[in-house]
C-alpha cells in the first residue's frame, strides 16, 4: 500500500459526518419552541397590521379624498370667477413659445381648454 492511499484512508476516517438529529441534549425541543414562538409573533404582528390598515389607512384615505375634493372645488370656483370677469392672461412673448410645431398640432398633447391658452387661434 502506498503512502498516498494510507493518507486517503486516514483522512476519510477522521472526517465523520455528524447530523443534528443525532443530538439528544434537548436542542430539538428548543428549536421547536423557537419555531412556535416565531409563529405566534407573526400571527399577532399580522393582526396588528391588518387593524392598522382598516382603522387608520382607509379612514385616512377617505378624509384626504374629502379634503382634496374641497380644495379642487375652490379652485374650480376661482377659475369660474376669473372667466366671468374677463380676466385674461397677458400675452407675453415668452409664454407658449413654439419654435417647431408639434406633430399633433399647435396645442400641447394634454391640452385643456379650461386652463390652457388655445394656440390654434394664435398667429
PDB file of N, CA and C in Angstrom:
ATOM      1  N   UNK A   1       0.835  -1.175   0.000  1.00  0.00           N
ATOM      2  CA  UNK A   1       0.000   0.000   0.000  1.00  0.00           C
ATOM      3  C   UNK A   1       0.884   1.245   0.000  1.00  0.00           C
ATOM      4  N   UNK A   2       0.525   2.176  -0.816  1.00  0.00           N
ATOM      5  CA  UNK A   2       1.350   3.368  -0.922  1.00  0.00           C
ATOM      6  C   UNK A   2       0.979   4.353   0.186  1.00  0.00           C
ATOM      7  N   UNK A   3       1.839   5.328   0.356  1.00  0.00           N
ATOM      8  CA  UNK A   3       1.605   6.326   1.398  1.00  0.00           C
ATOM      9  C   UNK A   3       0.408   7.221   1.061  1.00  0.00           C
ATOM     10  N   UNK A   4       0.155   7.402  -0.232  1.00  0.00           N
ATOM     11  CA  UNK A   4      -0.975   8.223  -0.643  1.00  0.00           C
ATOM     12  C   UNK A   4      -2.294   7.549  -0.290  1.00  0.00           C
ATOM     13  N   UNK A   5      -2.386   6.248  -0.487  1.00  0.00           N
ATOM     14  CA  UNK A   5      -3.628   5.542  -0.142  1.00  0.00           C
ATOM     15  C   UNK A   5      -3.813   5.488   1.369  1.00  0.00           C
ATOM     16  N   UNK A   6      -2.722   5.365   2.128  1.00  0.00           N
ATOM     17  CA  UNK A   6      -2.824   5.407   3.585  1.00  0.00           C
ATOM     18  C   UNK A   6      -3.313   6.771   4.047  1.00  0.00           C
ATOM     19  N   UNK A   7      -2.807   7.824   3.430  1.00  0.00           N
ATOM     20  CA  UNK A   7      -3.210   9.174   3.783  1.00  0.00           C
ATOM     21  C   UNK A   7      -4.696   9.384   3.470  1.00  0.00           C
ATOM     22  N   UNK A   8      -5.147   8.851   2.334  1.00  0.00           N
ATOM     23  CA  UNK A   8      -6.551   8.998   1.971  1.00  0.00           C
ATOM     24  C   UNK A   8      -7.455   8.250   2.940  1.00  0.00           C
ATOM     25  N   UNK A   9      -7.088   7.040   3.301  1.00  0.00           N
ATOM     26  CA  UNK A   9      -7.934   6.271   4.207  1.00  0.00           C
ATOM     27  C   UNK A   9      -7.944   6.882   5.606  1.00  0.00           C
ATOM     28  N   UNK A  10      -6.840   7.440   6.058  1.00  0.00           N
ATOM     29  CA  UNK A  10      -6.793   8.086   7.368  1.00  0.00           C
ATOM     30  C   UNK A  10      -7.619   9.362   7.354  1.00  0.00           C
ATOM     31  N   UNK A  11      -7.561  10.106   6.237  1.00  0.00           N
ATOM     32  CA  UNK A  11      -8.337  11.327   6.125  1.00  0.00           C
ATOM     33  C   UNK A  11      -9.826  11.032   6.063  1.00  0.00           C
ATOM     34  N   UNK A  12     -10.205   9.980   5.411  1.00  0.00           N
ATOM     35  CA  UNK A  12     -11.617   9.629   5.286  1.00  0.00           C
ATOM     36  C   UNK A  12     -12.185   9.215   6.638  1.00  0.00           C
ATOM     37  N   UNK A  13     -11.367   8.546   7.449  1.00  0.00           N
ATOM     38  CA  UNK A  13     -11.851   8.108   8.761  1.00  0.00           C
ATOM     39  C   UNK A  13     -11.961   9.265   9.742  1.00  0.00           C
ATOM     40  N   UNK A  14     -11.121  10.274   9.612  1.00  0.00           N
ATOM     41  CA  UNK A  14     -11.143  11.360  10.582  1.00  0.00           C
ATOM     42  C   UNK A  14     -12.323  12.321  10.352  1.00  0.00           C
ATOM     43  N   UNK A  15     -12.873  12.358   9.150  1.00  0.00           N
ATOM     44  CA  UNK A  15     -13.995  13.243   8.856  1.00  0.00           C
ATOM     45  C   UNK A  15     -15.292  12.450   8.855  1.00  0.00           C
ATOM     46  N   UNK A  16     -15.805  12.228  10.033  1.00  0.00           N
ATOM     47  CA  UNK A  16     -17.067  11.518  10.163  1.00  0.00           C
ATOM     48  C   UNK A  16     -18.164  12.570  10.206  1.00  0.00           C
ATOM     49  N   UNK A  17     -19.187  12.326   9.428  1.00  0.00           N
ATOM     50  CA  UNK A  17     -20.263  13.306   9.341  1.00  0.00           C
ATOM     51  C   UNK A  17     -21.175  13.172  10.555  1.00  0.00           C
ATOM     52  N   UNK A  18     -21.462  14.285  11.188  1.00  0.00           N
ATOM     53  CA  UNK A  18     -22.349  14.305  12.343  1.00  0.00           C
ATOM     54  C   UNK A  18     -23.644  15.013  11.935  1.00  0.00           C
ATOM     55  N   UNK A  19     -24.773  14.451  12.289  1.00  0.00           N
ATOM     56  CA  UNK A  19     -26.071  15.036  11.957  1.00  0.00           C
ATOM     57  C   UNK A  19     -26.685  15.687  13.187  1.00  0.00           C
ATOM     58  N   UNK A  20     -27.475  16.726  12.965  1.00  0.00           N
ATOM     59  CA  UNK A  20     -28.088  17.455  14.068  1.00  0.00           C
ATOM     60  C   UNK A  20     -29.147  16.601  14.761  1.00  0.00           C
ATOM     61  N   UNK A  21     -29.745  15.669  14.059  1.00  0.00           N
ATOM     62  CA  UNK A  21     -30.792  14.837  14.673  1.00  0.00           C
ATOM     63  C   UNK A  21     -30.217  13.812  15.633  1.00  0.00           C
ATOM     64  N   UNK A  22     -28.921  13.597  15.571  1.00  0.00           N
ATOM     65  CA  UNK A  22     -28.311  12.629  16.465  1.00  0.00           C
ATOM     66  C   UNK A  22     -28.132  13.190  17.873  1.00  0.00           C
ATOM     67  N   UNK A  23     -28.237  14.493  18.023  1.00  0.00           N
ATOM     68  CA  UNK A  23     -28.043  15.095  19.342  1.00  0.00           C
ATOM     69  C   UNK A  23     -29.270  14.841  20.204  1.00  0.00           C
ATOM     70  N   UNK A  24     -29.055  14.473  21.420  1.00  0.00           N
ATOM     71  CA  UNK A  24     -30.158  14.176  22.340  1.00  0.00           C
ATOM     72  C   UNK A  24     -30.120  15.071  23.558  1.00  0.00           C
ATOM     73  N   UNK A  25     -29.505  16.240  23.429  1.00  0.00           N
ATOM     74  CA  UNK A  25     -29.375  17.135  24.576  1.00  0.00           C
ATOM     75  C   UNK A  25     -30.543  18.107  24.702  1.00  0.00           C
ATOM     76  N   UNK A  26     -31.616  17.932  23.947  1.00  0.00           N
ATOM     77  CA  UNK A  26     -32.789  18.789  24.074  1.00  0.00           C
ATOM     78  C   UNK A  26     -32.793  19.962  23.117  1.00  0.00           C
ATOM     79  N   UNK A  27     -31.809  20.056  22.217  1.00  0.00           N
ATOM     80  CA  UNK A  27     -31.778  21.181  21.295  1.00  0.00           C
ATOM     81  C   UNK A  27     -32.926  21.107  20.286  1.00  0.00           C
ATOM     82  N   UNK A  28     -33.434  19.913  20.007  1.00  0.00           N
ATOM     83  CA  UNK A  28     -34.565  19.785  19.088  1.00  0.00           C
ATOM     84  C   UNK A  28     -35.815  20.415  19.706  1.00  0.00           C
ATOM     85  N   UNK A  29     -36.012  20.199  20.997  1.00  0.00           N
ATOM     86  CA  UNK A  29     -37.153  20.810  21.668  1.00  0.00           C
ATOM     87  C   UNK A  29     -37.015  22.329  21.730  1.00  0.00           C
ATOM     88  N   UNK A  30     -35.803  22.788  21.883  1.00  0.00           N
ATOM     89  CA  UNK A  30     -35.551  24.217  21.910  1.00  0.00           C
ATOM     90  C   UNK A  30     -35.875  24.832  20.541  1.00  0.00           C
ATOM     91  N   UNK A  31     -35.509  24.133  19.471  1.00  0.00           N
ATOM     92  CA  UNK A  31     -35.792  24.609  18.127  1.00  0.00           C
ATOM     93  C   UNK A  31     -37.299  24.671  17.878  1.00  0.00           C
ATOM     94  N   UNK A  32     -38.023  23.657  18.321  1.00  0.00           N
ATOM     95  CA  UNK A  32     -39.479  23.633  18.147  1.00  0.00           C
ATOM     96  C   UNK A  32     -40.119  24.777  18.937  1.00  0.00           C
ATOM     97  N   UNK A  33     -39.629  25.043  20.122  1.00  0.00           N
ATOM     98  CA  UNK A  33     -40.169  26.136  20.936  1.00  0.00           C
ATOM     99  C   UNK A  33     -39.920  27.486  20.265  1.00  0.00           C
ATOM    100  N   UNK A  34     -38.727  27.682  19.691  1.00  0.00           N
ATOM    101  CA  UNK A  34     -38.440  28.930  18.981  1.00  0.00           C
ATOM    102  C   UNK A  34     -39.334  29.070  17.757  1.00  0.00           C
ATOM    103  N   UNK A  35     -39.563  27.962  17.074  1.00  0.00           N
ATOM    104  CA  UNK A  35     -40.416  27.985  15.879  1.00  0.00           C
ATOM    105  C   UNK A  35     -41.851  28.359  16.247  1.00  0.00           C
ATOM    106  N   UNK A  36     -42.364  27.810  17.328  1.00  0.00           N
ATOM    107  CA  UNK A  36     -43.723  28.126  17.766  1.00  0.00           C
ATOM    108  C   UNK A  36     -43.819  29.589  18.229  1.00  0.00           C
ATOM    109  N   UNK A  37     -42.784  30.086  18.894  1.00  0.00           N
ATOM    110  CA  UNK A  37     -42.776  31.484  19.319  1.00  0.00           C
ATOM    111  C   UNK A  37     -42.757  32.418  18.109  1.00  0.00           C
ATOM    112  N   UNK A  38     -42.015  32.030  17.082  1.00  0.00           N
ATOM    113  CA  UNK A  38     -41.976  32.831  15.858  1.00  0.00           C
ATOM    114  C   UNK A  38     -43.342  32.857  15.183  1.00  0.00           C
ATOM    115  N   UNK A  39     -44.020  31.714  15.125  1.00  0.00           N
ATOM    116  CA  UNK A  39     -45.359  31.658  14.530  1.00  0.00           C
ATOM    117  C   UNK A  39     -46.356  32.511  15.311  1.00  0.00           C
ATOM    118  N   UNK A  40     -46.280  32.477  16.630  1.00  0.00           N
ATOM    119  CA  UNK A  40     -47.191  33.280  17.453  1.00  0.00           C
ATOM    120  C   UNK A  40     -46.925  34.770  17.251  1.00  0.00           C
ATOM    121  N   UNK A  41     -45.659  35.144  17.182  1.00  0.00           N
ATOM    122  CA  UNK A  41     -45.312  36.548  16.949  1.00  0.00           C
ATOM    123  C   UNK A  41     -45.794  37.004  15.575  1.00  0.00           C
ATOM    124  N   UNK A  42     -45.631  36.159  14.566  1.00  0.00           N
ATOM    125  CA  UNK A  42     -46.075  36.505  13.212  1.00  0.00           C
ATOM    126  C   UNK A  42     -47.592  36.683  13.168  1.00  0.00           C
ATOM    127  N   UNK A  43     -48.323  35.834  13.866  1.00  0.00           N
ATOM    128  CA  UNK A  43     -49.784  35.945  13.884  1.00  0.00           C
ATOM    129  C   UNK A  43     -50.223  37.253  14.544  1.00  0.00           C
ATOM    130  N   UNK A  44     -49.612  37.596  15.673  1.00  0.00           N
ATOM    131  CA  UNK A  44     -50.012  38.831  16.354  1.00  0.00           C
ATOM    132  C   UNK A  44     -49.603  40.071  15.555  1.00  0.00           C
ATOM    133  N   UNK A  45     -48.452  40.023  14.913  1.00  0.00           N
ATOM    134  CA  UNK A  45     -47.987  41.156  14.120  1.00  0.00           C
ATOM    135  C   UNK A  45     -48.857  41.345  12.886  1.00  0.00           C
ATOM    136  N   UNK A  46     -49.222  40.263  12.218  1.00  0.00           N
ATOM    137  CA  UNK A  46     -50.075  40.413  11.040  1.00  0.00           C
ATOM    138  C   UNK A  46     -51.456  40.930  11.425  1.00  0.00           C
ATOM    139  N   UNK A  47     -51.959  40.529  12.571  1.00  0.00           N
ATOM    140  CA  UNK A  47     -53.239  41.056  13.047  1.00  0.00           C
ATOM    141  C   UNK A  47     -53.128  42.559  13.332  1.00  0.00           C
ATOM    142  N   UNK A  48     -51.994  42.979  13.918  1.00  0.00           N
ATOM    143  CA  UNK A  48     -51.782  44.399  14.196  1.00  0.00           C
ATOM    144  C   UNK A  48     -51.777  45.207  12.894  1.00  0.00           C
ATOM    145  N   UNK A  49     -51.074  44.742  11.853  1.00  0.00           N
ATOM    146  CA  UNK A  49     -51.004  45.486  10.600  1.00  0.00           C
ATOM    147  C   UNK A  49     -52.336  45.461   9.857  1.00  0.00           C
ATOM    148  N   UNK A  50     -53.101  44.406  10.025  1.00  0.00           N
ATOM    149  CA  UNK A  50     -54.431  44.372   9.423  1.00  0.00           C
ATOM    150  C   UNK A  50     -55.321  45.423  10.082  1.00  0.00           C
ATOM    151  N   UNK A  51     -55.242  45.550  11.382  1.00  0.00           N
ATOM    152  CA  UNK A  51     -56.027  46.558  12.099  1.00  0.00           C
ATOM    153  C   UNK A  51     -55.585  47.973  11.731  1.00  0.00           C
ATOM    154  N   UNK A  52     -54.271  48.177  11.607  1.00  0.00           N
ATOM    155  CA  UNK A  52     -53.773  49.492  11.196  1.00  0.00           C
ATOM    156  C   UNK A  52     -54.302  49.831   9.808  1.00  0.00           C
ATOM    157  N   UNK A  53     -54.300  48.860   8.905  1.00  0.00           N
ATOM    158  CA  UNK A  53     -54.789  49.110   7.547  1.00  0.00           C
ATOM    159  C   UNK A  53     -56.260  49.493   7.549  1.00  0.00           C
ATOM    160  N   UNK A  54     -57.075  48.753   8.302  1.00  0.00           N
ATOM    161  CA  UNK A  54     -58.512  49.008   8.281  1.00  0.00           C
ATOM    162  C   UNK A  54     -58.915  50.242   9.074  1.00  0.00           C
ATOM    163  N   UNK A  55     -58.279  50.486  10.219  1.00  0.00           N
ATOM    164  CA  UNK A  55     -58.729  51.556  11.113  1.00  0.00           C
ATOM    165  C   UNK A  55     -57.943  52.854  10.993  1.00  0.00           C
ATOM    166  N   UNK A  56     -56.806  52.843  10.263  1.00  0.00           N
ATOM    167  CA  UNK A  56     -56.014  54.063  10.112  1.00  0.00           C
ATOM    168  C   UNK A  56     -55.895  54.453   8.633  1.00  0.00           C
ATOM    169  N   UNK A  57     -55.443  53.533   7.812  1.00  0.00           N
ATOM    170  CA  UNK A  57     -55.158  53.870   6.416  1.00  0.00           C
ATOM    171  C   UNK A  57     -56.417  54.156   5.612  1.00  0.00           C
ATOM    172  N   UNK A  58     -57.418  53.304   5.697  1.00  0.00           N
ATOM    173  CA  UNK A  58     -58.634  53.508   4.910  1.00  0.00           C
ATOM    174  C   UNK A  58     -59.374  54.769   5.345  1.00  0.00           C
ATOM    175  N   UNK A  59     -59.598  55.008   6.646  1.00  0.00           N
ATOM    176  CA  UNK A  59     -60.218  56.287   7.015  1.00  0.00           C
ATOM    177  C   UNK A  59     -59.359  57.497   6.641  1.00  0.00           C
ATOM    178  N   UNK A  60     -58.044  57.359   6.743  1.00  0.00           N
ATOM    179  CA  UNK A  60     -57.161  58.453   6.344  1.00  0.00           C
ATOM    180  C   UNK A  60     -57.286  58.769   4.856  1.00  0.00           C
ATOM    181  N   UNK A  61     -57.399  57.739   4.025  1.00  0.00           N
ATOM    182  CA  UNK A  61     -57.572  57.952   2.590  1.00  0.00           C
ATOM    183  C   UNK A  61     -58.914  58.623   2.302  1.00  0.00           C
ATOM    184  N   UNK A  62     -59.950  58.251   3.035  1.00  0.00           N
ATOM    185  CA  UNK A  62     -61.264  58.876   2.847  1.00  0.00           C
ATOM    186  C   UNK A  62     -61.220  60.352   3.246  1.00  0.00           C
ATOM    187  N   UNK A  63     -60.607  60.652   4.390  1.00  0.00           N
ATOM    188  CA  UNK A  63     -60.502  62.044   4.843  1.00  0.00           C
ATOM    189  C   UNK A  63     -59.700  62.872   3.844  1.00  0.00           C
ATOM    190  N   UNK A  64     -58.587  62.337   3.350  1.00  0.00           N
ATOM    191  CA  UNK A  64     -57.781  63.071   2.371  1.00  0.00           C
ATOM    192  C   UNK A  64     -58.547  63.255   1.067  1.00  0.00           C
ATOM    193  N   UNK A  65     -59.344  62.279   0.661  1.00  0.00           N
ATOM    194  CA  UNK A  65     -60.161  62.426  -0.536  1.00  0.00           C
ATOM    195  C   UNK A  65     -61.172  63.547  -0.402  1.00  0.00           C
ATOM    196  N   UNK A  66     -61.799  63.648   0.768  1.00  0.00           N
ATOM    197  CA  UNK A  66     -62.755  64.731   1.019  1.00  0.00           C
ATOM    198  C   UNK A  66     -62.043  66.088   1.005  1.00  0.00           C
ATOM    199  N   UNK A  67     -60.864  66.162   1.617  1.00  0.00           N
ATOM    200  CA  UNK A  67     -60.092  67.399   1.638  1.00  0.00           C
ATOM    201  C   UNK A  67     -59.705  67.828   0.219  1.00  0.00           C
ATOM    202  N   UNK A  68     -59.211  66.896  -0.590  1.00  0.00           N
ATOM    203  CA  UNK A  68     -58.796  67.227  -1.952  1.00  0.00           C
ATOM    204  C   UNK A  68     -59.995  67.664  -2.784  1.00  0.00           C
ATOM    205  N   UNK A  69     -61.140  67.024  -2.587  1.00  0.00           N
ATOM    206  CA  UNK A  69     -62.360  67.417  -3.301  1.00  0.00           C
ATOM    207  C   UNK A  69     -62.728  68.866  -2.959  1.00  0.00           C
ATOM    208  N   UNK A  70     -62.627  69.221  -1.693  1.00  0.00           N
ATOM    209  CA  UNK A  70     -62.939  70.582  -1.254  1.00  0.00           C
ATOM    210  C   UNK A  70     -61.985  71.598  -1.903  1.00  0.00           C
ATOM    211  N   UNK A  71     -60.710  71.302  -1.902  1.00  0.00           N
ATOM    212  CA  UNK A  71     -59.719  72.205  -2.482  1.00  0.00           C
ATOM    213  C   UNK A  71     -59.941  72.348  -3.986  1.00  0.00           C
ATOM    214  N   UNK A  72     -60.235  71.251  -4.667  1.00  0.00           N
ATOM    215  CA  UNK A  72     -60.470  71.319  -6.107  1.00  0.00           C
ATOM    216  C   UNK A  72     -61.743  72.099  -6.434  1.00  0.00           C
ATOM    217  N   UNK A  73     -62.767  71.975  -5.601  1.00  0.00           N
ATOM    218  CA  UNK A  73     -63.988  72.770  -5.812  1.00  0.00           C
ATOM    219  C   UNK A  73     -63.706  74.262  -5.665  1.00  0.00           C
ATOM    220  N   UNK A  74     -62.881  74.624  -4.673  1.00  0.00           N
ATOM    221  CA  UNK A  74     -62.498  76.027  -4.502  1.00  0.00           C
ATOM    222  C   UNK A  74     -61.705  76.533  -5.707  1.00  0.00           C
ATOM    223  N   UNK A  75     -60.826  75.692  -6.215  1.00  0.00           N
ATOM    224  CA  UNK A  75     -60.026  76.077  -7.375  1.00  0.00           C
ATOM    225  C   UNK A  75     -60.919  76.263  -8.608  1.00  0.00           C
ATOM    226  N   UNK A  76     -61.853  75.360  -8.792  1.00  0.00           N
ATOM    227  CA  UNK A  76     -62.777  75.467  -9.925  1.00  0.00           C
ATOM    228  C   UNK A  76     -63.638  76.734  -9.807  1.00  0.00           C
ATOM    229  N   UNK A  77     -64.089  77.042  -8.605  1.00  0.00           N
ATOM    230  CA  UNK A  77     -64.876  78.262  -8.396  1.00  0.00           C
ATOM    231  C   UNK A  77     -64.038  79.505  -8.711  1.00  0.00           C
ATOM    232  N   UNK A  78     -62.770  79.475  -8.363  1.00  0.00           N
ATOM    233  CA  UNK A  78     -61.878  80.595  -8.658  1.00  0.00           C
ATOM    234  C   UNK A  78     -61.714  80.764 -10.173  1.00  0.00           C
ATOM    235  N   UNK A  79     -61.544  79.651 -10.892  1.00  0.00           N
ATOM    236  CA  UNK A  79     -61.424  79.735 -12.347  1.00  0.00           C
ATOM    237  C   UNK A  79     -62.707  80.269 -12.976  1.00  0.00           C
ATOM    238  N   UNK A  80     -63.866  79.853 -12.455  1.00  0.00           N
ATOM    239  CA  UNK A  80     -65.147  80.359 -12.965  1.00  0.00           C
ATOM    240  C   UNK A  80     -65.269  81.864 -12.711  1.00  0.00           C
ATOM    241  N   UNK A  81     -64.821  82.308 -11.548  1.00  0.00           N
ATOM    242  CA  UNK A  81     -64.865  83.732 -11.213  1.00  0.00           C
ATOM    243  C   UNK A  81     -64.000  84.539 -12.184  1.00  0.00           C
ATOM    244  N   UNK A  82     -62.801  84.049 -12.462  1.00  0.00           N
ATOM    245  CA  UNK A  82     -61.925  84.739 -13.403  1.00  0.00           C
ATOM    246  C   UNK A  82     -62.529  84.761 -14.800  1.00  0.00           C
ATOM    247  N   UNK A  83     -63.158  83.679 -15.201  1.00  0.00           N
ATOM    248  CA  UNK A  83     -63.756  83.600 -16.517  1.00  0.00           C
ATOM    249  C   UNK A  83     -64.940  84.564 -16.645  1.00  0.00           C
ATOM    250  N   UNK A  84     -65.739  84.697 -15.577  1.00  0.00           N
ATOM    251  CA  UNK A  84     -66.899  85.594 -15.596  1.00  0.00           C
ATOM    252  C   UNK A  84     -66.490  87.060 -15.702  1.00  0.00           C
ATOM    253  N   UNK A  85     -65.408  87.421 -15.043  1.00  0.00           N
ATOM    254  CA  UNK A  85     -64.987  88.818 -15.015  1.00  0.00           C
ATOM    255  C   UNK A  85     -63.965  89.149 -16.095  1.00  0.00           C
ATOM    256  N   UNK A  86     -63.763  88.247 -17.026  1.00  0.00           N
ATOM    257  CA  UNK A  86     -62.921  88.531 -18.186  1.00  0.00           C
ATOM    258  C   UNK A  86     -61.445  88.647 -17.897  1.00  0.00           C
ATOM    259  N   UNK A  87     -60.971  88.005 -16.859  1.00  0.00           N
ATOM    260  CA  UNK A  87     -59.542  88.048 -16.566  1.00  0.00           C
ATOM    261  C   UNK A  87     -58.814  87.189 -17.595  1.00  0.00           C
ATOM    262  N   UNK A  88     -57.942  87.815 -18.341  1.00  0.00           N
ATOM    263  CA  UNK A  88     -57.181  87.101 -19.370  1.00  0.00           C
ATOM    264  C   UNK A  88     -55.704  87.168 -19.012  1.00  0.00           C
ATOM    265  N   UNK A  89     -55.007  86.099 -19.262  1.00  0.00           N
ATOM    266  CA  UNK A  89     -53.570  86.055 -19.000  1.00  0.00           C
ATOM    267  C   UNK A  89     -52.880  86.951 -20.013  1.00  0.00           C
ATOM    268  N   UNK A  90     -51.961  87.805 -19.589  1.00  0.00           N
ATOM    269  CA  UNK A  90     -51.258  88.667 -20.541  1.00  0.00           C
ATOM    270  C   UNK A  90     -50.539  87.842 -21.603  1.00  0.00           C
ATOM    271  N   UNK A  91     -50.481  88.363 -22.796  1.00  0.00           N
ATOM    272  CA  UNK A  91     -49.861  87.650 -23.911  1.00  0.00           C
ATOM    273  C   UNK A  91     -48.379  88.009 -23.985  1.00  0.00           C
ATOM    274  N   UNK A  92     -47.609  87.465 -23.066  1.00  0.00           N
ATOM    275  CA  UNK A  92     -46.165  87.702 -23.074  1.00  0.00           C
ATOM    276  C   UNK A  92     -45.530  86.880 -24.183  1.00  0.00           C
ATOM    277  N   UNK A  93     -44.456  87.402 -24.764  1.00  0.00           N
ATOM    278  CA  UNK A  93     -43.843  86.711 -25.900  1.00  0.00           C
ATOM    279  C   UNK A  93     -43.136  85.419 -25.494  1.00  0.00           C
ATOM    280  N   UNK A  94     -42.768  85.280 -24.220  1.00  0.00           N
ATOM    281  CA  UNK A  94     -42.063  84.077 -23.799  1.00  0.00           C
ATOM    282  C   UNK A  94     -43.016  82.969 -23.344  1.00  0.00           C
ATOM    283  N   UNK A  95     -44.317  83.241 -23.255  1.00  0.00           N
ATOM    284  CA  UNK A  95     -45.281  82.201 -22.887  1.00  0.00           C
ATOM    285  C   UNK A  95     -45.738  81.448 -24.130  1.00  0.00           C
ATOM    286  N   UNK A  96     -45.847  80.151 -24.037  1.00  0.00           N
ATOM    287  CA  UNK A  96     -46.320  79.287 -25.124  1.00  0.00           C
ATOM    288  C   UNK A  96     -45.548  79.523 -26.420  1.00  0.00           C
ATOM    289  N   UNK A  97     -44.255  79.678 -26.317  1.00  0.00           N
ATOM    290  CA  UNK A  97     -43.422  79.894 -27.491  1.00  0.00           C
ATOM    291  C   UNK A  97     -43.206  78.564 -28.197  1.00  0.00           C
ATOM    292  N   UNK A  98     -43.492  78.519 -29.489  1.00  0.00           N
ATOM    293  CA  UNK A  98     -43.325  77.308 -30.279  1.00  0.00           C
ATOM    294  C   UNK A  98     -42.268  77.561 -31.347  1.00  0.00           C
ATOM    295  N   UNK A  99     -41.146  76.914 -31.232  1.00  0.00           N
ATOM    296  CA  UNK A  99     -40.088  77.050 -32.234  1.00  0.00           C
ATOM    297  C   UNK A  99     -40.353  76.087 -33.384  1.00  0.00           C
ATOM    298  N   UNK A 100     -40.658  74.831 -33.025  1.00  0.00           N
ATOM    299  CA  UNK A 100     -41.023  73.834 -34.028  1.00  0.00           C
ATOM    300  C   UNK A 100     -42.433  73.351 -33.699  1.00  0.00           C
ATOM    301  N   UNK A 101     -43.256  73.078 -34.675  1.00  0.00           N
ATOM    302  CA  UNK A 101     -44.615  72.620 -34.377  1.00  0.00           C
ATOM    303  C   UNK A 101     -44.619  71.196 -33.834  1.00  0.00           C
ATOM    304  N   UNK A 102     -45.605  70.921 -33.001  1.00  0.00           N
ATOM    305  CA  UNK A 102     -45.777  69.556 -32.511  1.00  0.00           C
ATOM    306  C   UNK A 102     -46.311  68.685 -33.645  1.00  0.00           C
ATOM    307  N   UNK A 103     -46.046  67.397 -33.648  1.00  0.00           N
ATOM    308  CA  UNK A 103     -46.579  66.526 -34.705  1.00  0.00           C
ATOM    309  C   UNK A 103     -48.107  66.434 -34.673  1.00  0.00           C
ATOM    310  N   UNK A 104     -48.744  66.691 -33.546  1.00  0.00           N
ATOM    311  CA  UNK A 104     -50.195  66.549 -33.417  1.00  0.00           C
ATOM    312  C   UNK A 104     -50.944  67.871 -33.546  1.00  0.00           C
ATOM    313  N   UNK A 105     -50.253  68.970 -33.744  1.00  0.00           N
ATOM    314  CA  UNK A 105     -50.921  70.264 -33.923  1.00  0.00           C
ATOM    315  C   UNK A 105     -50.249  71.358 -33.126  1.00  0.00           C
ATOM    316  N   UNK A 106     -50.928  72.487 -32.987  1.00  0.00           N
ATOM    317  CA  UNK A 106     -50.336  73.643 -32.310  1.00  0.00           C
ATOM    318  C   UNK A 106     -50.447  73.589 -30.796  1.00  0.00           C
ATOM    319  N   UNK A 107     -51.417  72.866 -30.256  1.00  0.00           N
ATOM    320  CA  UNK A 107     -51.603  72.781 -28.803  1.00  0.00           C
ATOM    321  C   UNK A 107     -50.763  71.655 -28.219  1.00  0.00           C
ATOM    322  N   UNK A 108     -50.583  71.707 -26.901  1.00  0.00           N
ATOM    323  CA  UNK A 108     -49.835  70.670 -26.202  1.00  0.00           C
ATOM    324  C   UNK A 108     -50.603  69.349 -26.268  1.00  0.00           C
ATOM    325  N   UNK A 109     -49.910  68.259 -25.995  1.00  0.00           N
ATOM    326  CA  UNK A 109     -50.532  66.941 -26.084  1.00  0.00           C
ATOM    327  C   UNK A 109     -51.696  66.802 -25.105  1.00  0.00           C
ATOM    328  N   UNK A 110     -51.540  67.302 -23.886  1.00  0.00           N
ATOM    329  CA  UNK A 110     -52.597  67.235 -22.882  1.00  0.00           C
ATOM    330  C   UNK A 110     -53.268  68.605 -22.758  1.00  0.00           C
ATOM    331  N   UNK A 111     -53.816  69.085 -23.845  1.00  0.00           N
ATOM    332  CA  UNK A 111     -54.438  70.400 -23.894  1.00  0.00           C
ATOM    333  C   UNK A 111     -55.773  70.366 -23.164  1.00  0.00           C
ATOM    334  N   UNK A 112     -55.987  71.356 -22.281  1.00  0.00           N
ATOM    335  CA  UNK A 112     -57.240  71.502 -21.549  1.00  0.00           C
ATOM    336  C   UNK A 112     -57.740  72.920 -21.817  1.00  0.00           C
ATOM    337  N   UNK A 113     -58.849  73.075 -22.540  1.00  0.00           N
ATOM    338  CA  UNK A 113     -59.291  74.421 -22.895  1.00  0.00           C
ATOM    339  C   UNK A 113     -59.728  75.269 -21.710  1.00  0.00           C
ATOM    340  N   UNK A 114     -59.983  74.656 -20.557  1.00  0.00           N
ATOM    341  CA  UNK A 114     -60.378  75.440 -19.383  1.00  0.00           C
ATOM    342  C   UNK A 114     -59.199  76.184 -18.761  1.00  0.00           C
ATOM    343  N   UNK A 115     -58.015  75.638 -18.853  1.00  0.00           N
ATOM    344  CA  UNK A 115     -56.878  76.256 -18.168  1.00  0.00           C
ATOM    345  C   UNK A 115     -55.730  76.621 -19.100  1.00  0.00           C
ATOM    346  N   UNK A 116     -55.700  76.100 -20.330  1.00  0.00           N
ATOM    347  CA  UNK A 116     -54.607  76.389 -21.254  1.00  0.00           C
ATOM    348  C   UNK A 116     -55.086  77.316 -22.372  1.00  0.00           C
ATOM    349  N   UNK A 117     -54.156  78.109 -22.850  1.00  0.00           N
ATOM    350  CA  UNK A 117     -54.459  79.003 -23.976  1.00  0.00           C
ATOM    351  C   UNK A 117     -54.522  78.184 -25.257  1.00  0.00           C
ATOM    352  N   UNK A 118     -55.536  78.457 -26.082  1.00  0.00           N
ATOM    353  CA  UNK A 118     -55.681  77.741 -27.336  1.00  0.00           C
ATOM    354  C   UNK A 118     -54.734  78.349 -28.368  1.00  0.00           C
ATOM    355  N   UNK A 119     -53.707  77.598 -28.740  1.00  0.00           N
ATOM    356  CA  UNK A 119     -52.685  78.113 -29.641  1.00  0.00           C
ATOM    357  C   UNK A 119     -53.076  77.959 -31.100  1.00  0.00           C
ATOM    358  N   UNK A 120     -54.161  77.236 -31.410  1.00  0.00           N
ATOM    359  CA  UNK A 120     -54.564  77.095 -32.802  1.00  0.00           C
ATOM    360  C   UNK A 120     -55.119  78.412 -33.339  1.00  0.00           C
ATOM    361  N   UNK A 121     -55.591  79.303 -32.450  1.00  0.00           N
ATOM    362  CA  UNK A 121     -56.096  80.600 -32.867  1.00  0.00           C
ATOM    363  C   UNK A 121     -55.009  81.657 -32.909  1.00  0.00           C
ATOM    364  N   UNK A 122     -53.841  81.332 -32.381  1.00  0.00           N
ATOM    365  CA  UNK A 122     -52.731  82.293 -32.348  1.00  0.00           C
ATOM    366  C   UNK A 122     -52.117  82.395 -33.725  1.00  0.00           C
ATOM    367  N   UNK A 123     -51.232  83.353 -33.897  1.00  0.00           N
ATOM    368  CA  UNK A 123     -50.581  83.626 -35.182  1.00  0.00           C
ATOM    369  C   UNK A 123     -49.968  82.393 -35.743  1.00  0.00           C
TER     370      UNK A 123
END
